[in-house]
């Protein structure tokens, strides 16, 4: 599970959902725009609920892993929709331009 810290509050949700939310917030900020979404969350009593987020260029969103005996919150359709929105916000590349793959060669054990 992942805890999203947002607007002086926090929400518990699934790992893939939290990652997609942060990635979407980044894409929105790079485009100086905003967007809203509804995500599934886990309440303190273990029940499932929904939360609405408004993300914009100045949003500060932090996630952290949280151990839980409860099942991870999963919403594959939401994650796919956010990934599509992120793709729509990406700068367009001319057709036929190859996508370069960058390899990170840093040794993180040395950091």
Protein backbone atom coordinates (compact mmCIF):
# COMPACT_ATOMS: atom_id res chain seq x y z
CA UNK A 1 0.00 0.00 0.00
CA UNK A 2 1.04 3.60 -0.49
CA UNK A 3 0.10 6.63 1.55
CA UNK A 4 -0.36 9.78 -0.51
CA UNK A 5 0.28 12.99 1.43
CA UNK A 6 -1.68 15.78 -0.15
CA UNK A 7 -3.10 19.11 1.05
CA UNK A 8 -2.42 18.61 4.78
CA UNK A 9 -4.06 15.19 4.71
CA UNK A 10 -3.16 11.69 3.63
CA UNK A 11 -4.85 8.88 1.73
CA UNK A 12 -4.05 5.17 1.70
CA UNK A 13 -4.27 3.52 -1.71
CA UNK A 14 -2.57 0.95 -3.90
CA UNK A 15 1.02 1.19 -5.09
CA UNK A 16 0.22 1.38 -8.83
CA UNK A 17 -2.47 4.00 -8.22
CA UNK A 18 -0.15 6.21 -6.14
CA UNK A 19 2.61 5.96 -8.77
CA UNK A 20 0.19 6.92 -11.55
CA UNK A 21 -1.13 9.87 -9.50
CA UNK A 22 2.40 11.23 -8.96
CA UNK A 23 3.32 10.70 -12.60
CA UNK A 24 0.13 12.47 -13.69
CA UNK A 25 0.84 15.37 -11.32
CA UNK A 26 4.29 15.69 -12.86
CA UNK A 27 2.90 15.70 -16.41
CA UNK A 28 0.32 18.34 -15.45
CA UNK A 29 2.99 20.53 -13.84
CA UNK A 30 5.22 20.29 -16.93
CA UNK A 31 2.26 21.53 -18.99
CA UNK A 32 1.23 24.22 -16.51
CA UNK A 33 -2.29 22.85 -16.28
CA UNK A 34 -4.51 21.02 -13.80
CA UNK A 35 -6.67 17.93 -13.67
CA UNK A 36 -8.93 16.09 -11.29
CA UNK A 37 -9.51 12.44 -10.59
CA UNK A 38 -11.30 10.13 -8.25
CA UNK A 39 -9.25 7.31 -6.73
CA UNK A 40 -10.10 4.35 -4.51
CA UNK A 41 -8.75 4.61 -0.97
CA UNK A 42 -8.66 2.47 2.13
CA UNK A 43 -10.19 4.02 5.29
CA UNK A 44 -8.73 3.53 8.77
CA UNK A 45 -11.36 0.87 9.54
CA UNK A 46 -10.26 -1.11 6.46
CA UNK A 47 -13.26 -0.27 4.33
CA UNK A 48 -12.92 1.01 0.78
CA UNK A 49 -13.89 4.52 -0.19
CA UNK A 50 -13.26 7.14 -2.87
CA UNK A 51 -11.30 10.38 -2.76
CA UNK A 52 -11.27 13.25 -5.24
CA UNK A 53 -7.97 14.96 -6.01
CA UNK A 54 -7.36 18.20 -7.86
CA UNK A 55 -3.79 18.37 -9.15
CA UNK A 56 -2.18 21.43 -10.64
CA UNK A 57 1.21 22.96 -11.35
CA UNK A 58 1.76 23.86 -7.69
CA UNK A 59 0.51 20.57 -6.20
CA UNK A 60 2.87 18.96 -3.75
CA UNK A 61 2.21 15.24 -3.63
CA UNK A 62 4.34 12.79 -1.67
CA UNK A 63 3.85 9.04 -1.41
CA UNK A 64 5.39 6.56 0.97
CA UNK A 65 5.13 2.82 1.32
CA UNK A 66 3.03 1.68 4.24
CA UNK A 67 2.83 -1.84 5.59
CA UNK A 68 -0.68 -3.20 5.93
CA UNK A 69 -2.39 -6.52 6.51
CA UNK A 70 -5.14 -5.34 4.16
CA UNK A 71 -5.20 -6.14 0.45
CA UNK A 72 -3.61 -3.56 -1.84
CA UNK A 73 -6.15 -1.26 -3.46
CA UNK A 74 -6.24 -2.01 -7.19
CA UNK A 75 -7.94 -0.14 -10.03
CA UNK A 76 -6.30 -1.15 -13.30
CA UNK A 77 -8.78 0.88 -15.35
CA UNK A 78 -7.93 4.08 -13.44
CA UNK A 79 -4.19 3.47 -13.79
CA UNK A 80 -4.58 2.86 -17.54
CA UNK A 81 -6.68 6.03 -17.90
CA UNK A 82 -4.07 8.10 -16.02
CA UNK A 83 -1.26 6.61 -18.15
CA UNK A 84 -3.23 7.58 -21.29
CA UNK A 85 -3.69 11.13 -19.97
CA UNK A 86 0.03 11.32 -19.23
CA UNK A 87 0.73 10.22 -22.80
CA UNK A 88 -1.62 12.89 -24.12
CA UNK A 89 0.35 15.52 -22.17
CA UNK A 90 3.74 14.37 -23.47
CA UNK A 91 5.39 16.55 -26.11
CA UNK A 92 4.74 15.31 -29.63
CA UNK A 93 7.65 13.77 -31.55
CA UNK A 94 7.83 13.99 -35.31
CA UNK A 95 6.61 10.77 -36.93
CA UNK A 96 9.39 8.39 -37.74
CA UNK A 97 11.73 9.87 -35.12
CA UNK A 98 13.27 6.97 -33.20
CA UNK A 99 12.74 6.79 -29.48
CA UNK A 100 16.12 6.73 -27.81
CA UNK A 101 16.60 4.47 -24.86
CA UNK A 102 18.78 5.92 -22.17
CA UNK A 103 20.55 3.54 -19.88
CA UNK A 104 21.30 4.67 -16.37
CA UNK A 105 24.77 3.35 -15.66
CA UNK A 106 25.14 4.79 -12.17
CA UNK A 107 25.94 2.34 -9.40
CA UNK A 108 23.38 3.14 -6.72
CA UNK A 109 25.31 1.15 -4.14
CA UNK A 110 27.97 3.88 -4.30
CA UNK A 111 25.53 6.70 -3.50
